[in-house]
Amino acid sequence: MDILHSIKDITFADKQFFWLFLLLPLMIGWYLLKLKKQEAEFNFSSFQNLGTIRPSYKAMLRHVIFVCRLLTVSLLILVLTRPQSRSSWKDVKTEGIDIVLAIDVSYSMLAKDFKPNRLDAAKEVAKEFIDSRPNDRIGLVIFGGEAFTQCPLTTDHTVIKNLFADIAAGSVGQGTAIGLGLADAVSRVKESKAKSKVVILLSDGVNNVGEIAPLTAGDIAKTFGVRVYTIGVGTKGKALTPVSIFPNGQMEYEYVDVDLDENTMTKIAEETGGKYFRATDNESLRTVYKEIDKLEKSIISEKSFSNKAEHFLPFAIAAAIFLLLEFVIKKTVIRSLP
């Protein structure tokens, strides 16, 4: 298999010499014509006694001499074409980025200005984002009235995507503790040795519970060199949002004003070196994640090497062998006497 691979990699520097192979048919024609001219004619009264006569091995060697000459010429033509091979390889070092996704799971995330709702849209787009970051360690934090680490930093992206199925609105209490959610996310990435540490925080409301204020959590992120991208989700104006939750799980929806603390989220992003985005529907949310994907590229160092090798020598040696064989046969076995 290696031989076939190496043959496939052969190139020829001087391909114009392949035209010399047209000499081979001319040589063969000349040889056949010469044989015909050398034929002698004898008359016999009967061929009965000639049936047991076999051609002499010396007669056969005449043709071997010509075959050697053909091979010698063919090999010399290949030498002139300068067969070469080029080998190249890369020494690639990829260093990923540590990213923690912090997602709001308060009941308002069930608002239907996204399809089918904000939370499901956020989960779906987040999974697409994870697929686009194969070299990164990614963690997942959810927050509502409290904050909970759904998955610590991991390179097993299948595990983290499967955990999205267990995320439900209201699963960590009522309210929106943006400060707690951000602080928890920062705690998961602050000890990282990665050159780039990132938190992507997504929320649709205003911080209304929790012991840590959002700006305080932002200061903590800045202290540990964590860059925070904040995403505010919700249409501009009113959205069909759950306002009452019944014991059987049913919800009553009404159109209410979308209330986002964009000033706080913008300040957190700017002070940590990140950026604030506003997403008003599924497509704009997908665009936001694509923009963050462009901003946070993995660190790749690449060294390239190439080497060119000439391969005419085996052909030249083979040509010399056939030329020597022709000379030996002519001067020994079928040597002509003067």
Protein backbone atom coordinates (compact mmCIF):
# COMPACT_ATOMS: atom_id res chain seq x y z
CA MET A 1 0.00 0.00 0.00
CA ASP A 2 2.89 2.38 0.82
CA ILE A 3 4.47 1.64 -2.58
CA LEU A 4 1.24 2.52 -4.38
CA HIS A 5 0.94 5.70 -2.34
CA SER A 6 4.52 6.72 -3.16
CA ILE A 7 4.01 6.04 -6.89
CA LYS A 8 0.89 8.20 -6.82
CA ASP A 9 2.93 11.08 -5.37
CA ILE A 10 5.54 10.97 -8.18
CA THR A 11 5.67 13.99 -10.50
CA PHE A 12 7.92 14.71 -13.50
CA ALA A 13 9.87 17.96 -13.76
CA ASP A 14 10.62 17.72 -17.51
CA LYS A 15 7.54 16.11 -19.03
CA GLN A 16 8.45 17.15 -22.57
CA PHE A 17 10.90 14.24 -22.77
CA PHE A 18 7.96 11.80 -22.76
CA TRP A 19 7.72 12.56 -26.49
CA LEU A 20 10.89 10.49 -26.92
CA PHE A 21 8.82 7.36 -26.27
CA LEU A 22 7.66 7.78 -29.88
CA LEU A 23 11.10 6.44 -30.83
CA LEU A 24 10.22 2.99 -29.47
CA PRO A 25 7.72 2.05 -32.23
CA LEU A 26 10.31 3.21 -34.80
CA MET A 27 12.98 1.02 -33.18
CA ILE A 28 10.64 -1.99 -33.20
CA GLY A 29 9.73 -1.40 -36.87
CA TRP A 30 13.39 -1.07 -37.82
CA TYR A 31 14.24 -4.30 -35.96
CA LEU A 32 11.48 -6.31 -37.66
CA LEU A 33 12.52 -4.98 -41.05
CA LYS A 34 16.11 -5.96 -40.33
CA LEU A 35 15.06 -9.49 -39.36
CA LYS A 36 13.13 -9.87 -42.57
CA LYS A 37 16.13 -8.82 -44.66
CA GLN A 38 18.33 -11.36 -42.87
CA GLU A 39 16.05 -14.29 -43.71
CA ALA A 40 17.57 -16.92 -46.10
CA GLU A 41 15.73 -19.25 -48.46
CA PHE A 42 16.44 -23.01 -48.85
CA ASN A 43 14.74 -25.64 -51.01
CA PHE A 44 14.06 -29.10 -49.55
CA SER A 45 12.48 -32.15 -51.14
CA SER A 46 10.78 -32.99 -47.85
CA PHE A 47 10.24 -31.41 -44.36
CA GLN A 48 9.87 -34.80 -42.70
CA ASN A 49 13.24 -34.68 -40.93
CA LEU A 50 12.92 -31.07 -39.83
CA GLY A 51 10.12 -31.59 -37.31
CA THR A 52 12.48 -32.42 -34.46
CA ILE A 53 14.70 -29.39 -34.95
CA ARG A 54 14.27 -26.76 -32.17
CA PRO A 55 15.42 -23.15 -32.41
CA SER A 56 18.88 -22.55 -30.96
CA TYR A 57 19.03 -20.66 -27.65
CA LYS A 58 21.50 -18.34 -29.34
CA ALA A 59 18.84 -17.40 -31.86
CA MET A 60 16.49 -16.56 -28.99
CA LEU A 61 19.17 -14.42 -27.33
CA ARG A 62 19.24 -12.19 -30.42
CA HIS A 63 15.79 -10.98 -29.40
CA VAL A 64 16.85 -10.60 -25.76
CA ILE A 65 19.54 -8.17 -26.88
CA PHE A 66 16.93 -6.03 -28.62
CA VAL A 67 14.60 -6.16 -25.59
CA CYS A 68 17.49 -4.99 -23.39
CA ARG A 69 18.09 -2.11 -25.76
CA LEU A 70 14.41 -1.11 -25.68
CA LEU A 71 14.39 -1.19 -21.89
CA THR A 72 17.60 0.82 -21.72
CA VAL A 73 16.21 3.54 -23.97
CA SER A 74 12.89 3.60 -22.05
CA LEU A 75 14.63 3.94 -18.71
CA LEU A 76 16.93 6.68 -19.98
CA ILE A 77 13.90 8.62 -21.19
CA LEU A 78 12.41 8.34 -17.68
CA VAL A 79 15.69 9.64 -16.26
CA LEU A 80 15.45 12.68 -18.56
CA THR A 81 11.90 13.43 -17.31
CA ARG A 82 13.30 13.82 -13.76
CA PRO A 83 10.79 11.94 -11.58
CA GLN A 84 10.33 13.67 -8.22
CA SER A 85 8.26 13.37 -5.08
CA ARG A 86 7.31 16.12 -2.68
CA SER A 87 6.60 15.38 0.97
CA SER A 88 5.05 17.91 3.28
CA TRP A 89 3.70 17.90 6.80
CA LYS A 90 2.39 20.29 9.39
CA ASP A 91 3.07 20.63 13.08
CA VAL A 92 -0.26 22.00 14.35
CA LYS A 93 -0.93 23.03 17.92
CA THR A 94 -4.50 23.94 18.80
CA GLU A 95 -5.42 25.59 22.08
CA GLY A 96 -9.12 25.84 22.76
CA ILE A 97 -11.04 28.39 24.84
CA ASP A 98 -12.86 27.67 28.09
CA ILE A 99 -16.48 28.82 27.79
CA VAL A 100 -19.31 28.67 30.32
CA LEU A 101 -22.88 29.17 29.10
CA ALA A 102 -25.10 30.79 31.74
CA ILE A 103 -28.78 30.52 30.76
CA ASP A 104 -31.77 32.10 32.46
CA VAL A 105 -34.48 29.49 33.21
CA SER A 106 -37.03 31.73 34.93
CA TYR A 107 -40.68 31.25 33.97
CA SER A 108 -40.59 34.34 31.73
CA MET A 109 -38.30 32.33 29.42
CA LEU A 110 -41.47 30.51 28.30
CA ALA A 111 -42.66 33.66 26.52
CA LYS A 112 -43.74 32.91 22.98
CA ASP A 113 -42.06 35.74 21.08
CA PHE A 114 -39.52 33.03 20.13
CA LYS A 115 -40.57 29.71 18.60
CA PRO A 116 -41.70 27.62 20.40
CA ASN A 117 -40.55 29.80 23.33
CA ARG A 118 -37.45 31.66 24.50
CA LEU A 119 -36.00 28.79 26.54
CA ASP A 120 -36.31 26.11 23.86
CA ALA A 121 -34.91 28.48 21.23
CA ALA A 122 -31.98 29.31 23.53
CA LYS A 123 -31.24 25.61 24.12
CA GLU A 124 -31.36 24.76 20.42
CA VAL A 125 -29.08 27.60 19.34
CA ALA A 126 -26.68 26.89 22.22
CA LYS A 127 -26.30 23.29 21.01
CA GLU A 128 -25.47 24.56 17.52
CA PHE A 129 -22.86 26.85 19.05
CA ILE A 130 -21.31 23.93 20.96
CA ASP A 131 -21.04 21.94 17.73
CA SER A 132 -19.09 24.81 16.17
CA ARG A 133 -16.47 24.76 18.97
CA PRO A 134 -14.84 21.29 18.79
CA ASN A 135 -11.58 22.40 20.43
CA ASP A 136 -13.10 24.14 23.46
CA ARG A 137 -13.98 23.05 26.95
CA ILE A 138 -17.56 24.14 27.62
CA GLY A 139 -19.59 24.27 30.83
CA LEU A 140 -23.25 25.00 31.56
CA VAL A 141 -24.84 27.01 34.39
CA ILE A 142 -28.56 27.67 34.75
CA PHE A 143 -30.13 30.31 36.96
CA GLY A 144 -33.55 31.50 38.06
CA GLY A 145 -34.17 32.31 41.72
CA GLU A 146 -30.86 30.51 42.40
CA ALA A 147 -27.93 29.30 40.30
CA PHE A 148 -26.93 25.71 39.56
CA THR A 149 -24.00 24.19 37.64
CA GLN A 150 -25.59 21.81 35.18
CA CYS A 151 -22.21 20.70 33.78
CA PRO A 152 -18.63 21.72 34.65
CA LEU A 153 -16.11 22.45 31.89
CA THR A 154 -15.78 19.44 29.62
CA THR A 155 -14.61 18.47 26.15
CA ASP A 156 -17.32 15.79 25.98
CA HIS A 157 -19.79 17.90 24.05
CA THR A 158 -22.24 15.02 23.63
CA VAL A 159 -22.75 14.89 27.40
CA ILE A 160 -23.38 18.60 27.74
CA LYS A 161 -25.83 18.64 24.82
CA ASN A 162 -27.76 15.72 26.31
CA LEU A 163 -28.13 17.68 29.57
CA PHE A 164 -30.14 20.36 27.79
CA ALA A 165 -33.08 17.94 27.78
CA ASP A 166 -33.26 18.19 31.60
CA ILE A 167 -33.41 21.99 31.65
CA ALA A 168 -36.89 23.24 32.49
CA ALA A 169 -38.28 26.67 33.32
CA GLY A 170 -38.58 27.26 37.05
CA SER A 171 -36.29 24.33 37.93
CA VAL A 172 -34.09 26.51 40.18
CA GLY A 173 -36.72 28.67 41.82
CA GLN A 174 -38.72 31.72 40.88
CA GLY A 175 -37.17 35.05 40.00
CA THR A 176 -34.14 36.14 38.02
CA ALA A 177 -30.81 36.12 39.86
CA ILE A 178 -28.51 37.42 37.12
CA GLY A 179 -25.76 38.22 39.62
CA LEU A 180 -25.81 34.70 41.10
CA GLY A 181 -25.83 33.12 37.65
CA LEU A 182 -22.83 35.14 36.49
CA ALA A 183 -20.90 34.58 39.72
CA ASP A 184 -21.47 30.81 39.52
CA ALA A 185 -20.32 30.76 35.89
CA VAL A 186 -17.18 32.75 36.77
CA SER A 187 -16.38 30.34 39.61
CA ARG A 188 -16.35 27.46 37.12
CA VAL A 189 -13.81 29.09 34.82
CA LYS A 190 -11.70 31.33 37.07
CA GLU A 191 -9.06 28.65 37.82
CA SER A 192 -8.73 27.67 34.18
CA LYS A 193 -5.24 27.66 32.63
CA ALA A 194 -6.67 28.54 29.22
CA LYS A 195 -5.41 31.76 27.66
CA SER A 196 -9.00 32.83 27.02
CA LYS A 197 -11.82 32.43 29.57
CA VAL A 198 -15.35 33.35 28.52
CA VAL A 199 -18.86 33.46 29.98
CA ILE A 200 -21.89 33.83 27.71
CA LEU A 201 -24.81 34.99 29.84
CA LEU A 202 -28.33 34.91 28.42
CA SER A 203 -31.32 36.45 30.21
CA ASP A 204 -34.68 37.98 29.40
CA GLY A 205 -35.28 40.07 32.51
CA VAL A 206 -34.10 42.21 35.37
CA ASN A 207 -32.17 40.99 38.39
CA ASN A 208 -34.77 40.79 41.19
CA VAL A 209 -33.42 38.16 43.62
CA GLY A 210 -30.07 36.85 44.85
CA GLU A 211 -27.34 37.96 47.25
CA ILE A 212 -24.93 39.15 44.54
CA ALA A 213 -25.64 42.19 42.39
CA PRO A 214 -24.97 41.78 38.64
CA LEU A 215 -22.34 44.55 38.59
CA THR A 216 -20.56 42.97 41.54
CA ALA A 217 -20.46 39.66 39.68
CA GLY A 218 -19.11 41.60 36.70
CA ASP A 219 -16.29 42.99 38.86
CA ILE A 220 -15.45 39.43 39.98
CA ALA A 221 -15.28 38.33 36.34
CA LYS A 222 -12.97 41.22 35.50
CA THR A 223 -10.69 40.37 38.46
CA PHE A 224 -10.19 36.82 37.21
CA GLY A 225 -9.72 37.85 33.58
CA VAL A 226 -13.04 36.38 32.42
CA ARG A 227 -14.58 38.01 29.36
CA VAL A 228 -18.40 38.19 29.54
CA TYR A 229 -20.73 38.33 26.55
CA THR A 230 -24.28 39.19 27.56
CA ILE A 231 -27.38 38.43 25.50
CA GLY A 232 -30.74 40.03 26.17
CA VAL A 233 -33.61 38.02 24.69
CA GLY A 234 -37.10 39.34 24.05
CA THR A 235 -39.00 41.21 21.42
CA LYS A 236 -39.35 44.98 21.61
CA GLY A 237 -42.76 45.87 22.96
CA LYS A 238 -45.11 43.24 24.35
CA ALA A 239 -44.76 39.45 24.37
CA LEU A 240 -47.14 36.61 25.22
CA THR A 241 -45.75 35.65 28.65
CA PRO A 242 -46.92 33.30 31.45
CA VAL A 243 -48.42 35.34 34.33
CA SER A 244 -50.04 32.58 36.41
CA ILE A 245 -49.01 28.98 37.10
CA PHE A 246 -51.64 26.52 38.32
CA PRO A 247 -50.96 23.47 40.53
CA ASN A 248 -51.55 21.10 37.61
CA GLY A 249 -48.77 22.81 35.63
CA GLN A 250 -51.08 24.78 33.36
CA MET A 251 -50.17 28.41 32.73
CA GLU A 252 -52.11 31.55 31.96
CA TYR A 253 -50.53 33.78 29.31
CA GLU A 254 -50.97 37.48 28.74
CA TYR A 255 -49.27 40.11 26.60
CA VAL A 256 -46.93 42.01 28.89
CA ASP A 257 -44.17 44.55 28.33
CA VAL A 258 -40.70 43.06 27.79
CA ASP A 259 -38.50 44.41 30.59
CA LEU A 260 -34.75 44.02 30.03
CA ASP A 261 -32.00 45.65 32.08
CA GLU A 262 -29.90 46.39 29.02
CA ASN A 263 -27.86 49.07 30.74
CA THR A 264 -26.54 46.67 33.38
CA MET A 265 -25.87 43.89 30.89
CA THR A 266 -24.06 46.30 28.57
CA LYS A 267 -21.90 47.63 31.43
CA ILE A 268 -20.91 44.10 32.53
CA ALA A 269 -19.90 43.17 28.98
CA GLU A 270 -17.91 46.36 28.36
CA GLU A 271 -16.02 46.27 31.67
CA THR A 272 -14.91 42.66 31.12
CA GLY A 273 -13.89 43.11 27.49
CA GLY A 274 -16.98 41.42 26.07
CA LYS A 275 -19.99 42.71 24.20
CA TYR A 276 -23.75 43.03 24.70
CA PHE A 277 -26.20 41.67 22.12
CA ARG A 278 -29.97 41.92 21.78
CA ALA A 279 -31.91 39.02 20.25
CA THR A 280 -35.55 39.56 19.34
CA ASP A 281 -36.31 36.26 17.58
CA ASN A 282 -34.82 32.85 16.77
CA GLU A 283 -32.82 34.03 13.80
CA SER A 284 -31.30 37.05 15.51
CA LEU A 285 -30.32 34.82 18.46
CA ARG A 286 -28.58 32.45 16.04
CA THR A 287 -26.79 35.45 14.51
CA VAL A 288 -25.62 36.55 17.97
CA TYR A 289 -23.99 33.19 18.68
CA LYS A 290 -22.35 33.21 15.26
CA GLU A 291 -20.92 36.66 16.01
CA ILE A 292 -19.50 35.43 19.33
CA ASP A 293 -18.08 32.40 17.53
CA LYS A 294 -16.18 34.76 15.20
CA LEU A 295 -14.93 36.90 18.08
CA GLU A 296 -13.63 33.95 20.09
CA LYS A 297 -11.40 31.93 17.78
CA SER A 298 -9.25 29.08 19.05
CA ILE A 299 -5.52 29.71 19.15
CA ILE A 300 -3.77 27.71 16.43
CA SER A 301 -0.03 27.71 15.78
CA GLU A 302 1.05 25.93 12.62
CA LYS A 303 4.46 25.03 11.22
CA SER A 304 4.72 23.75 7.66
CA PHE A 305 7.54 21.70 6.20
CA SER A 306 8.13 20.47 2.65
CA ASN A 307 10.81 18.37 1.01
CA LYS A 308 11.45 17.53 -2.65
CA ALA A 309 13.32 14.34 -3.61
CA GLU A 310 14.70 13.27 -7.02
CA HIS A 311 13.99 9.68 -8.06
CA PHE A 312 15.91 9.31 -11.35
CA LEU A 313 18.72 7.23 -9.83
CA PRO A 314 16.88 3.84 -9.72
CA PHE A 315 15.95 4.27 -13.39
CA ALA A 316 19.53 5.19 -14.31
CA ILE A 317 20.90 2.14 -12.46
CA ALA A 318 18.36 -0.14 -14.16
CA ALA A 319 19.29 1.32 -17.58
CA ALA A 320 22.98 0.66 -16.86
CA ILE A 321 22.19 -2.94 -15.87
CA PHE A 322 20.29 -3.65 -19.10
CA LEU A 323 23.01 -1.94 -21.16
CA LEU A 324 25.66 -4.09 -19.46
CA LEU A 325 23.55 -7.21 -19.99
CA GLU A 326 23.27 -6.45 -23.72
CA PHE A 327 27.04 -5.93 -23.93
CA VAL A 328 27.82 -9.19 -22.08
CA ILE A 329 25.48 -11.27 -24.26
CA LYS A 330 26.88 -9.78 -27.47
CA LYS A 331 30.52 -10.26 -26.44
CA THR A 332 30.20 -13.75 -24.98
CA VAL A 333 27.29 -16.03 -25.84
CA ILE A 334 26.60 -14.83 -29.38
CA ARG A 335 29.92 -13.23 -30.18
CA SER A 336 30.46 -12.84 -33.90
CA LEU A 337 33.76 -14.04 -35.36
CA PRO A 338 35.50 -11.71 -37.89
